[in-house]
Amino acid sequence: MEIVSIITRQSVEDLGLTPGREAIALITSSAIILAPDGEALRTSARNRLTGTVVHHENGAVNSEIILVLDAGKTLTATITRQSARELGLAVGEPAVALIKASHIILAVE
């Protein structure tokens, strides 16, 4: 899976990033925009990850939605309960996660 992140040259140096080196992408759940698959509009978000909803839990105000991505990884998003309801993000439904490159933090082991 390829994810685009915007980081400084100094961070590239400090992390020892080179082409082909594995890195971990850290994304806060509230920075993820969800849409039903096939309904996502054209956006400026560089990262578009498709998957299937495998968990949907409602809280008092927000919903926690977990997608299993095509690459087998999971991604958790926090959106309002109203948005989750209006988008029809139910378990088993396909969805798209949109993430701006500037919202992704990279880490290495």
PDB file of N, CA and C in Angstrom:
ATOM      1  N   MET A   1       0.850  -1.163   0.000  1.00  0.00           N
ATOM      2  CA  MET A   1       0.000   0.000   0.000  1.00  0.00           C
ATOM      3  C   MET A   1       0.900   1.232   0.000  1.00  0.00           C
ATOM      4  N   GLU A   2       0.536   2.201  -0.803  1.00  0.00           N
ATOM      5  CA  GLU A   2       1.308   3.441  -0.867  1.00  0.00           C
ATOM      6  C   GLU A   2       0.489   4.571  -0.273  1.00  0.00           C
ATOM      7  N   ILE A   3       1.129   5.341   0.620  1.00  0.00           N
ATOM      8  CA  ILE A   3       0.502   6.497   1.245  1.00  0.00           C
ATOM      9  C   ILE A   3       1.426   7.685   1.044  1.00  0.00           C
ATOM     10  N   VAL A   4       0.855   8.826   0.705  1.00  0.00           N
ATOM     11  CA  VAL A   4       1.627  10.046   0.494  1.00  0.00           C
ATOM     12  C   VAL A   4       1.586  10.883   1.764  1.00  0.00           C
ATOM     13  N   SER A   5       2.765  11.355   2.201  1.00  0.00           N
ATOM     14  CA  SER A   5       2.878  12.213   3.376  1.00  0.00           C
ATOM     15  C   SER A   5       3.779  13.389   3.045  1.00  0.00           C
ATOM     16  N   ILE A   6       3.451  14.530   3.584  1.00  0.00           N
ATOM     17  CA  ILE A   6       4.311  15.709   3.413  1.00  0.00           C
ATOM     18  C   ILE A   6       5.120  15.870   4.691  1.00  0.00           C
ATOM     19  N   ILE A   7       6.457  15.777   4.554  1.00  0.00           N
ATOM     20  CA  ILE A   7       7.339  15.975   5.706  1.00  0.00           C
ATOM     21  C   ILE A   7       8.520  16.842   5.273  1.00  0.00           C
ATOM     22  N   THR A   8       9.254  17.339   6.233  1.00  0.00           N
ATOM     23  CA  THR A   8      10.391  18.208   5.930  1.00  0.00           C
ATOM     24  C   THR A   8      11.607  17.394   5.496  1.00  0.00           C
ATOM     25  N   ARG A   9      12.517  18.047   4.825  1.00  0.00           N
ATOM     26  CA  ARG A   9      13.778  17.388   4.444  1.00  0.00           C
ATOM     27  C   ARG A   9      14.536  16.926   5.682  1.00  0.00           C
ATOM     28  N   GLN A  10      14.483  17.739   6.737  1.00  0.00           N
ATOM     29  CA  GLN A  10      15.167  17.373   7.974  1.00  0.00           C
ATOM     30  C   GLN A  10      14.587  16.096   8.556  1.00  0.00           C
ATOM     31  N   SER A  11      13.268  15.932   8.476  1.00  0.00           N
ATOM     32  CA  SER A  11      12.635  14.710   8.980  1.00  0.00           C
ATOM     33  C   SER A  11      13.049  13.496   8.158  1.00  0.00           C
ATOM     34  N   VAL A  12      13.153  13.664   6.847  1.00  0.00           N
ATOM     35  CA  VAL A  12      13.619  12.569   5.983  1.00  0.00           C
ATOM     36  C   VAL A  12      14.998  12.120   6.444  1.00  0.00           C
ATOM     37  N   GLU A  13      15.857  13.097   6.705  1.00  0.00           N
ATOM     38  CA  GLU A  13      17.222  12.807   7.162  1.00  0.00           C
ATOM     39  C   GLU A  13      17.214  12.150   8.541  1.00  0.00           C
ATOM     40  N   ASP A  14      16.486  12.750   9.480  1.00  0.00           N
ATOM     41  CA  ASP A  14      16.452  12.239  10.856  1.00  0.00           C
ATOM     42  C   ASP A  14      15.908  10.817  10.936  1.00  0.00           C
ATOM     43  N   LEU A  15      14.912  10.501  10.093  1.00  0.00           N
ATOM     44  CA  LEU A  15      14.309   9.171  10.106  1.00  0.00           C
ATOM     45  C   LEU A  15      15.080   8.165   9.253  1.00  0.00           C
ATOM     46  N   GLY A  16      16.010   8.652   8.449  1.00  0.00           N
ATOM     47  CA  GLY A  16      16.763   7.765   7.570  1.00  0.00           C
ATOM     48  C   GLY A  16      15.904   7.173   6.468  1.00  0.00           C
ATOM     49  N   LEU A  17      14.958   7.961   5.988  1.00  0.00           N
ATOM     50  CA  LEU A  17      14.058   7.465   4.942  1.00  0.00           C
ATOM     51  C   LEU A  17      14.779   7.405   3.604  1.00  0.00           C
ATOM     52  N   THR A  18      14.641   6.277   2.956  1.00  0.00           N
ATOM     53  CA  THR A  18      15.190   6.063   1.618  1.00  0.00           C
ATOM     54  C   THR A  18      14.158   5.294   0.811  1.00  0.00           C
ATOM     55  N   PRO A  19      14.206   5.361  -0.514  1.00  0.00           N
ATOM     56  CA  PRO A  19      13.249   4.606  -1.322  1.00  0.00           C
ATOM     57  C   PRO A  19      13.267   3.116  -0.956  1.00  0.00           C
ATOM     58  N   GLY A  20      12.082   2.574  -0.711  1.00  0.00           N
ATOM     59  CA  GLY A  20      11.962   1.160  -0.378  1.00  0.00           C
ATOM     60  C   GLY A  20      11.982   0.856   1.109  1.00  0.00           C
ATOM     61  N   ARG A  21      12.393   1.804   1.963  1.00  0.00           N
ATOM     62  CA  ARG A  21      12.417   1.548   3.402  1.00  0.00           C
ATOM     63  C   ARG A  21      11.003   1.634   3.955  1.00  0.00           C
ATOM     64  N   GLU A  22      10.643   0.662   4.779  1.00  0.00           N
ATOM     65  CA  GLU A  22       9.317   0.666   5.375  1.00  0.00           C
ATOM     66  C   GLU A  22       9.203   1.747   6.433  1.00  0.00           C
ATOM     67  N   ALA A  23       8.035   2.356   6.477  1.00  0.00           N
ATOM     68  CA  ALA A  23       7.734   3.361   7.492  1.00  0.00           C
ATOM     69  C   ALA A  23       6.320   3.102   7.992  1.00  0.00           C
ATOM     70  N   ILE A  24       6.021   3.628   9.152  1.00  0.00           N
ATOM     71  CA  ILE A  24       4.699   3.498   9.749  1.00  0.00           C
ATOM     72  C   ILE A  24       3.993   4.837   9.594  1.00  0.00           C
ATOM     73  N   ALA A  25       2.744   4.800   9.113  1.00  0.00           N
ATOM     74  CA  ALA A  25       1.951   6.017   8.970  1.00  0.00           C
ATOM     75  C   ALA A  25       1.043   6.156  10.184  1.00  0.00           C
ATOM     76  N   LEU A  26       1.144   7.275  10.866  1.00  0.00           N
ATOM     77  CA  LEU A  26       0.298   7.565  12.025  1.00  0.00           C
ATOM     78  C   LEU A  26      -0.720   8.624  11.610  1.00  0.00           C
ATOM     79  N   ILE A  27      -1.998   8.298  11.815  1.00  0.00           N
ATOM     80  CA  ILE A  27      -3.076   9.184  11.370  1.00  0.00           C
ATOM     81  C   ILE A  27      -4.098   9.280  12.499  1.00  0.00           C
ATOM     82  N   THR A  28      -4.395  10.482  12.940  1.00  0.00           N
ATOM     83  CA  THR A  28      -5.418  10.633  13.967  1.00  0.00           C
ATOM     84  C   THR A  28      -6.789  10.332  13.354  1.00  0.00           C
ATOM     85  N   SER A  29      -7.629   9.653  14.102  1.00  0.00           N
ATOM     86  CA  SER A  29      -8.911   9.186  13.556  1.00  0.00           C
ATOM     87  C   SER A  29      -9.828  10.324  13.108  1.00  0.00           C
ATOM     88  N   SER A  30      -9.675  11.493  13.712  1.00  0.00           N
ATOM     89  CA  SER A  30     -10.537  12.616  13.341  1.00  0.00           C
ATOM     90  C   SER A  30     -10.083  13.314  12.062  1.00  0.00           C
ATOM     91  N   ALA A  31      -8.905  12.951  11.528  1.00  0.00           N
ATOM     92  CA  ALA A  31      -8.395  13.551  10.288  1.00  0.00           C
ATOM     93  C   ALA A  31      -8.840  12.759   9.056  1.00  0.00           C
ATOM     94  N   ILE A  32      -9.604  11.707   9.268  1.00  0.00           N
ATOM     95  CA  ILE A  32     -10.031  10.844   8.165  1.00  0.00           C
ATOM     96  C   ILE A  32     -11.447  11.221   7.735  1.00  0.00           C
ATOM     97  N   ILE A  33     -11.619  11.436   6.447  1.00  0.00           N
ATOM     98  CA  ILE A  33     -12.922  11.721   5.879  1.00  0.00           C
ATOM     99  C   ILE A  33     -13.420  10.433   5.231  1.00  0.00           C
ATOM    100  N   LEU A  34     -14.637  10.027   5.552  1.00  0.00           N
ATOM    101  CA  LEU A  34     -15.200   8.803   4.989  1.00  0.00           C
ATOM    102  C   LEU A  34     -16.303   9.119   3.990  1.00  0.00           C
ATOM    103  N   ALA A  35     -16.438   8.243   3.016  1.00  0.00           N
ATOM    104  CA  ALA A  35     -17.516   8.334   2.026  1.00  0.00           C
ATOM    105  C   ALA A  35     -17.855   6.924   1.586  1.00  0.00           C
ATOM    106  N   PRO A  36     -19.110   6.692   1.212  1.00  0.00           N
ATOM    107  CA  PRO A  36     -19.445   5.389   0.639  1.00  0.00           C
ATOM    108  C   PRO A  36     -18.632   5.184  -0.637  1.00  0.00           C
ATOM    109  N   ASP A  37     -18.180   3.974  -0.884  1.00  0.00           N
ATOM    110  CA  ASP A  37     -17.402   3.702  -2.091  1.00  0.00           C
ATOM    111  C   ASP A  37     -18.258   4.006  -3.312  1.00  0.00           C
ATOM    112  N   GLY A  38     -17.667   4.677  -4.278  1.00  0.00           N
ATOM    113  CA  GLY A  38     -18.389   5.033  -5.490  1.00  0.00           C
ATOM    114  C   GLY A  38     -19.037   6.398  -5.416  1.00  0.00           C
ATOM    115  N   GLU A  39     -19.108   6.981  -4.216  1.00  0.00           N
ATOM    116  CA  GLU A  39     -19.725   8.295  -4.061  1.00  0.00           C
ATOM    117  C   GLU A  39     -18.711   9.370  -3.682  1.00  0.00           C
ATOM    118  N   ALA A  40     -17.444   9.019  -3.537  1.00  0.00           N
ATOM    119  CA  ALA A  40     -16.441   9.998  -3.126  1.00  0.00           C
ATOM    120  C   ALA A  40     -16.208  11.004  -4.252  1.00  0.00           C
ATOM    121  N   LEU A  41     -16.277  12.254  -3.917  1.00  0.00           N
ATOM    122  CA  LEU A  41     -16.054  13.317  -4.888  1.00  0.00           C
ATOM    123  C   LEU A  41     -14.571  13.487  -5.155  1.00  0.00           C
ATOM    124  N   ARG A  42     -14.269  14.181  -6.220  1.00  0.00           N
ATOM    125  CA  ARG A  42     -12.875  14.543  -6.469  1.00  0.00           C
ATOM    126  C   ARG A  42     -12.476  15.539  -5.394  1.00  0.00           C
ATOM    127  N   THR A  43     -11.349  15.300  -4.768  1.00  0.00           N
ATOM    128  CA  THR A  43     -10.876  16.168  -3.685  1.00  0.00           C
ATOM    129  C   THR A  43      -9.388  16.410  -3.842  1.00  0.00           C
ATOM    130  N   SER A  44      -8.869  17.277  -2.985  1.00  0.00           N
ATOM    131  CA  SER A  44      -7.432  17.534  -2.979  1.00  0.00           C
ATOM    132  C   SER A  44      -6.685  16.546  -2.081  1.00  0.00           C
ATOM    133  N   ALA A  45      -7.396  15.650  -1.414  1.00  0.00           N
ATOM    134  CA  ALA A  45      -6.746  14.659  -0.555  1.00  0.00           C
ATOM    135  C   ALA A  45      -5.922  13.705  -1.415  1.00  0.00           C
ATOM    136  N   ARG A  46      -4.630  13.573  -1.094  1.00  0.00           N
ATOM    137  CA  ARG A  46      -3.739  12.731  -1.891  1.00  0.00           C
ATOM    138  C   ARG A  46      -3.933  11.244  -1.628  1.00  0.00           C
ATOM    139  N   ASN A  47      -4.480  10.912  -0.476  1.00  0.00           N
ATOM    140  CA  ASN A  47      -4.628   9.510  -0.101  1.00  0.00           C
ATOM    141  C   ASN A  47      -6.095   9.103  -0.159  1.00  0.00           C
ATOM    142  N   ARG A  48      -6.359   8.072  -0.947  1.00  0.00           N
ATOM    143  CA  ARG A  48      -7.707   7.529  -1.116  1.00  0.00           C
ATOM    144  C   ARG A  48      -7.592   6.022  -0.902  1.00  0.00           C
ATOM    145  N   LEU A  49      -8.064   5.559   0.245  1.00  0.00           N
ATOM    146  CA  LEU A  49      -7.930   4.157   0.620  1.00  0.00           C
ATOM    147  C   LEU A  49      -9.310   3.512   0.641  1.00  0.00           C
ATOM    148  N   THR A  50      -9.477   2.424  -0.087  1.00  0.00           N
ATOM    149  CA  THR A  50     -10.772   1.749  -0.141  1.00  0.00           C
ATOM    150  C   THR A  50     -10.787   0.535   0.784  1.00  0.00           C
ATOM    151  N   GLY A  51     -11.954   0.257   1.310  1.00  0.00           N
ATOM    152  CA  GLY A  51     -12.087  -0.882   2.197  1.00  0.00           C
ATOM    153  C   GLY A  51     -13.540  -1.189   2.491  1.00  0.00           C
ATOM    154  N   THR A  52     -13.735  -1.990   3.532  1.00  0.00           N
ATOM    155  CA  THR A  52     -15.067  -2.417   3.948  1.00  0.00           C
ATOM    156  C   THR A  52     -15.234  -2.126   5.431  1.00  0.00           C
ATOM    157  N   VAL A  53     -16.398  -1.617   5.810  1.00  0.00           N
ATOM    158  CA  VAL A  53     -16.680  -1.350   7.222  1.00  0.00           C
ATOM    159  C   VAL A  53     -16.783  -2.684   7.960  1.00  0.00           C
ATOM    160  N   VAL A  54     -15.958  -2.856   9.003  1.00  0.00           N
ATOM    161  CA  VAL A  54     -15.999  -4.084   9.798  1.00  0.00           C
ATOM    162  C   VAL A  54     -16.460  -3.831  11.232  1.00  0.00           C
ATOM    163  N   HIS A  55     -16.551  -2.560  11.592  1.00  0.00           N
ATOM    164  CA  HIS A  55     -17.000  -2.216  12.949  1.00  0.00           C
ATOM    165  C   HIS A  55     -17.607  -0.820  12.908  1.00  0.00           C
ATOM    166  N   HIS A  56     -18.736  -0.651  13.575  1.00  0.00           N
ATOM    167  CA  HIS A  56     -19.395   0.653  13.668  1.00  0.00           C
ATOM    168  C   HIS A  56     -19.969   0.749  15.068  1.00  0.00           C
ATOM    169  N   GLU A  57     -19.399   1.655  15.868  1.00  0.00           N
ATOM    170  CA  GLU A  57     -19.874   1.824  17.236  1.00  0.00           C
ATOM    171  C   GLU A  57     -20.268   3.277  17.455  1.00  0.00           C
ATOM    172  N   ASN A  58     -21.499   3.475  17.908  1.00  0.00           N
ATOM    173  CA  ASN A  58     -21.985   4.824  18.175  1.00  0.00           C
ATOM    174  C   ASN A  58     -21.703   5.230  19.604  1.00  0.00           C
ATOM    175  N   GLY A  59     -21.221   6.458  19.772  1.00  0.00           N
ATOM    176  CA  GLY A  59     -21.079   7.071  21.076  1.00  0.00           C
ATOM    177  C   GLY A  59     -22.174   8.105  21.236  1.00  0.00           C
ATOM    178  N   ALA A  60     -22.049   8.965  22.237  1.00  0.00           N
ATOM    179  CA  ALA A  60     -23.064   9.986  22.485  1.00  0.00           C
ATOM    180  C   ALA A  60     -23.177  10.967  21.321  1.00  0.00           C
ATOM    181  N   VAL A  61     -22.045  11.331  20.720  1.00  0.00           N
ATOM    182  CA  VAL A  61     -22.026  12.314  19.634  1.00  0.00           C
ATOM    183  C   VAL A  61     -21.381  11.765  18.370  1.00  0.00           C
ATOM    184  N   ASN A  62     -20.324  10.989  18.539  1.00  0.00           N
ATOM    185  CA  ASN A  62     -19.547  10.488  17.409  1.00  0.00           C
ATOM    186  C   ASN A  62     -19.721   8.988  17.200  1.00  0.00           C
ATOM    187  N   SER A  63     -19.339   8.563  16.005  1.00  0.00           N
ATOM    188  CA  SER A  63     -19.296   7.137  15.680  1.00  0.00           C
ATOM    189  C   SER A  63     -17.854   6.757  15.381  1.00  0.00           C
ATOM    190  N   GLU A  64     -17.466   5.585  15.831  1.00  0.00           N
ATOM    191  CA  GLU A  64     -16.161   5.021  15.497  1.00  0.00           C
ATOM    192  C   GLU A  64     -16.393   3.993  14.404  1.00  0.00           C
ATOM    193  N   ILE A  65     -15.734   4.201  13.273  1.00  0.00           N
ATOM    194  CA  ILE A  65     -15.892   3.322  12.122  1.00  0.00           C
ATOM    195  C   ILE A  65     -14.533   2.699  11.823  1.00  0.00           C
ATOM    196  N   ILE A  66     -14.478   1.377  11.743  1.00  0.00           N
ATOM    197  CA  ILE A  66     -13.236   0.697  11.389  1.00  0.00           C
ATOM    198  C   ILE A  66     -13.404   0.069  10.015  1.00  0.00           C
ATOM    199  N   LEU A  67     -12.452   0.381   9.137  1.00  0.00           N
ATOM    200  CA  LEU A  67     -12.416  -0.213   7.798  1.00  0.00           C
ATOM    201  C   LEU A  67     -11.297  -1.227   7.738  1.00  0.00           C
ATOM    202  N   VAL A  68     -11.535  -2.346   7.066  1.00  0.00           N
ATOM    203  CA  VAL A  68     -10.441  -3.220   6.685  1.00  0.00           C
ATOM    204  C   VAL A  68     -10.141  -2.830   5.242  1.00  0.00           C
ATOM    205  N   LEU A  69      -8.901  -2.426   5.008  1.00  0.00           N
ATOM    206  CA  LEU A  69      -8.501  -1.934   3.700  1.00  0.00           C
ATOM    207  C   LEU A  69      -8.203  -3.079   2.755  1.00  0.00           C
ATOM    208  N   ASP A  70      -8.159  -2.781   1.472  1.00  0.00           N
ATOM    209  CA  ASP A  70      -7.871  -3.796   0.465  1.00  0.00           C
ATOM    210  C   ASP A  70      -6.546  -4.492   0.734  1.00  0.00           C
ATOM    211  N   ALA A  71      -5.592  -3.795   1.352  1.00  0.00           N
ATOM    212  CA  ALA A  71      -4.280  -4.372   1.642  1.00  0.00           C
ATOM    213  C   ALA A  71      -4.286  -5.207   2.927  1.00  0.00           C
ATOM    214  N   GLY A  72      -5.456  -5.339   3.594  1.00  0.00           N
ATOM    215  CA  GLY A  72      -5.554  -6.149   4.804  1.00  0.00           C
ATOM    216  C   GLY A  72      -5.300  -5.389   6.095  1.00  0.00           C
ATOM    217  N   LYS A  73      -4.912  -4.133   6.020  1.00  0.00           N
ATOM    218  CA  LYS A  73      -4.699  -3.299   7.205  1.00  0.00           C
ATOM    219  C   LYS A  73      -6.034  -2.714   7.644  1.00  0.00           C
ATOM    220  N   THR A  74      -6.095  -2.224   8.878  1.00  0.00           N
ATOM    221  CA  THR A  74      -7.311  -1.567   9.345  1.00  0.00           C
ATOM    222  C   THR A  74      -7.057  -0.082   9.561  1.00  0.00           C
ATOM    223  N   LEU A  75      -8.124   0.675   9.505  1.00  0.00           N
ATOM    224  CA  LEU A  75      -8.079   2.121   9.670  1.00  0.00           C
ATOM    225  C   LEU A  75      -9.314   2.517  10.468  1.00  0.00           C
ATOM    226  N   THR A  76      -9.119   3.307  11.521  1.00  0.00           N
ATOM    227  CA  THR A  76     -10.228   3.735  12.361  1.00  0.00           C
ATOM    228  C   THR A  76     -10.485   5.218  12.152  1.00  0.00           C
ATOM    229  N   ALA A  77     -11.735   5.567  11.903  1.00  0.00           N
ATOM    230  CA  ALA A  77     -12.133   6.954  11.718  1.00  0.00           C
ATOM    231  C   ALA A  77     -13.187   7.325  12.755  1.00  0.00           C
ATOM    232  N   THR A  78     -13.153   8.576  13.182  1.00  0.00           N
ATOM    233  CA  THR A  78     -14.160   9.106  14.087  1.00  0.00           C
ATOM    234  C   THR A  78     -14.922  10.193  13.346  1.00  0.00           C
ATOM    235  N   ILE A  79     -16.226   9.973  13.177  1.00  0.00           N
ATOM    236  CA  ILE A  79     -17.078  10.957  12.506  1.00  0.00           C
ATOM    237  C   ILE A  79     -18.338  11.143  13.352  1.00  0.00           C
ATOM    238  N   THR A  80     -19.128  12.152  13.051  1.00  0.00           N
ATOM    239  CA  THR A  80     -20.344  12.361  13.837  1.00  0.00           C
ATOM    240  C   THR A  80     -21.343  11.233  13.570  1.00  0.00           C
ATOM    241  N   ARG A  81     -22.181  10.980  14.567  1.00  0.00           N
ATOM    242  CA  ARG A  81     -23.220   9.948  14.407  1.00  0.00           C
ATOM    243  C   ARG A  81     -24.141  10.285  13.245  1.00  0.00           C
ATOM    244  N   GLN A  82     -24.469  11.566  13.106  1.00  0.00           N
ATOM    245  CA  GLN A  82     -25.351  11.987  12.030  1.00  0.00           C
ATOM    246  C   GLN A  82     -24.721  11.701  10.670  1.00  0.00           C
ATOM    247  N   SER A  83     -23.431  11.996  10.521  1.00  0.00           N
ATOM    248  CA  SER A  83     -22.751  11.722   9.248  1.00  0.00           C
ATOM    249  C   SER A  83     -22.743  10.228   8.953  1.00  0.00           C
ATOM    250  N   ALA A  84     -22.435   9.422   9.955  1.00  0.00           N
ATOM    251  CA  ALA A  84     -22.404   7.967   9.756  1.00  0.00           C
ATOM    252  C   ALA A  84     -23.767   7.452   9.301  1.00  0.00           C
ATOM    253  N   ARG A  85     -24.814   7.975   9.915  1.00  0.00           N
ATOM    254  CA  ARG A  85     -26.179   7.564   9.566  1.00  0.00           C
ATOM    255  C   ARG A  85     -26.523   8.009   8.138  1.00  0.00           C
ATOM    256  N   GLU A  86     -26.239   9.275   7.814  1.00  0.00           N
ATOM    257  CA  GLU A  86     -26.572   9.806   6.485  1.00  0.00           C
ATOM    258  C   GLU A  86     -25.791   9.117   5.374  1.00  0.00           C
ATOM    259  N   LEU A  87     -24.547   8.701   5.676  1.00  0.00           N
ATOM    260  CA  LEU A  87     -23.711   8.036   4.675  1.00  0.00           C
ATOM    261  C   LEU A  87     -24.011   6.545   4.553  1.00  0.00           C
ATOM    262  N   GLY A  88     -24.753   5.988   5.500  1.00  0.00           N
ATOM    263  CA  GLY A  88     -25.081   4.562   5.463  1.00  0.00           C
ATOM    264  C   GLY A  88     -23.878   3.678   5.700  1.00  0.00           C
ATOM    265  N   LEU A  89     -22.988   4.113   6.583  1.00  0.00           N
ATOM    266  CA  LEU A  89     -21.760   3.347   6.838  1.00  0.00           C
ATOM    267  C   LEU A  89     -22.027   2.217   7.829  1.00  0.00           C
ATOM    268  N   ALA A  90     -22.552   1.137   7.322  1.00  0.00           N
ATOM    269  CA  ALA A  90     -22.889  -0.034   8.139  1.00  0.00           C
ATOM    270  C   ALA A  90     -21.866  -1.140   7.899  1.00  0.00           C
ATOM    271  N   VAL A  91     -21.769  -2.043   8.860  1.00  0.00           N
ATOM    272  CA  VAL A  91     -20.857  -3.187   8.735  1.00  0.00           C
ATOM    273  C   VAL A  91     -21.167  -3.940   7.442  1.00  0.00           C
ATOM    274  N   GLY A  92     -20.099  -4.245   6.705  1.00  0.00           N
ATOM    275  CA  GLY A  92     -20.230  -4.959   5.441  1.00  0.00           C
ATOM    276  C   GLY A  92     -20.282  -4.055   4.224  1.00  0.00           C
ATOM    277  N   GLU A  93     -20.489  -2.759   4.431  1.00  0.00           N
ATOM    278  CA  GLU A  93     -20.588  -1.815   3.312  1.00  0.00           C
ATOM    279  C   GLU A  93     -19.206  -1.335   2.883  1.00  0.00           C
ATOM    280  N   PRO A  94     -18.979  -1.158   1.575  1.00  0.00           N
ATOM    281  CA  PRO A  94     -17.706  -0.612   1.108  1.00  0.00           C
ATOM    282  C   PRO A  94     -17.640   0.889   1.400  1.00  0.00           C
ATOM    283  N   ALA A  95     -16.435   1.376   1.660  1.00  0.00           N
ATOM    284  CA  ALA A  95     -16.243   2.795   1.960  1.00  0.00           C
ATOM    285  C   ALA A  95     -14.862   3.238   1.499  1.00  0.00           C
ATOM    286  N   VAL A  96     -14.699   4.552   1.418  1.00  0.00           N
ATOM    287  CA  VAL A  96     -13.431   5.161   1.020  1.00  0.00           C
ATOM    288  C   VAL A  96     -12.993   6.107   2.123  1.00  0.00           C
ATOM    289  N   ALA A  97     -11.716   6.032   2.488  1.00  0.00           N
ATOM    290  CA  ALA A  97     -11.122   6.962   3.452  1.00  0.00           C
ATOM    291  C   ALA A  97     -10.264   7.949   2.675  1.00  0.00           C
ATOM    292  N   LEU A  98     -10.511   9.233   2.894  1.00  0.00           N
ATOM    293  CA  LEU A  98      -9.743  10.292   2.260  1.00  0.00           C
ATOM    294  C   LEU A  98      -8.896  10.972   3.327  1.00  0.00           C
ATOM    295  N   ILE A  99      -7.580  11.084   3.054  1.00  0.00           N
ATOM    296  CA  ILE A  99      -6.669  11.654   4.043  1.00  0.00           C
ATOM    297  C   ILE A  99      -5.689  12.586   3.343  1.00  0.00           C
ATOM    298  N   LYS A 100      -5.612  13.808   3.826  1.00  0.00           N
ATOM    299  CA  LYS A 100      -4.654  14.762   3.270  1.00  0.00           C
ATOM    300  C   LYS A 100      -3.228  14.336   3.650  1.00  0.00           C
ATOM    301  N   ALA A 101      -2.301  14.521   2.743  1.00  0.00           N
ATOM    302  CA  ALA A 101      -0.907  14.137   2.972  1.00  0.00           C
ATOM    303  C   ALA A 101      -0.311  14.865   4.174  1.00  0.00           C
ATOM    304  N   SER A 102      -0.785  16.069   4.447  1.00  0.00           N
ATOM    305  CA  SER A 102      -0.251  16.848   5.571  1.00  0.00           C
ATOM    306  C   SER A 102      -0.751  16.337   6.929  1.00  0.00           C
ATOM    307  N   HIS A 103      -1.704  15.413   6.949  1.00  0.00           N
ATOM    308  CA  HIS A 103      -2.234  14.856   8.190  1.00  0.00           C
ATOM    309  C   HIS A 103      -1.591  13.526   8.581  1.00  0.00           C
ATOM    310  N   ILE A 104      -0.571  13.116   7.843  1.00  0.00           N
ATOM    311  CA  ILE A 104       0.066  11.841   8.110  1.00  0.00           C
ATOM    312  C   ILE A 104       1.454  12.056   8.702  1.00  0.00           C
ATOM    313  N   ILE A 105       1.705  11.439   9.839  1.00  0.00           N
ATOM    314  CA  ILE A 105       3.007  11.492  10.496  1.00  0.00           C
ATOM    315  C   ILE A 105       3.713  10.178  10.220  1.00  0.00           C
ATOM    316  N   LEU A 106       4.980  10.240   9.849  1.00  0.00           N
ATOM    317  CA  LEU A 106       5.742   9.017   9.576  1.00  0.00           C
ATOM    318  C   LEU A 106       6.640   8.666  10.751  1.00  0.00           C
ATOM    319  N   ALA A 107       6.812   7.365  10.961  1.00  0.00           N
ATOM    320  CA  ALA A 107       7.712   6.847  11.986  1.00  0.00           C
ATOM    321  C   ALA A 107       8.424   5.627  11.427  1.00  0.00           C
ATOM    322  N   VAL A 108       9.580   5.313  11.982  1.00  0.00           N
ATOM    323  CA  VAL A 108      10.320   4.113  11.606  1.00  0.00           C
ATOM    324  C   VAL A 108      10.710   3.368  12.863  1.00  0.00           C
ATOM    325  N   GLU A 109      10.936   2.078  12.706  1.00  0.00           N
ATOM    326  CA  GLU A 109      11.364   1.273  13.860  1.00  0.00           C
ATOM    327  C   GLU A 109      12.871   1.313  13.961  1.00  0.00           C
TER     328      GLU A 109
END
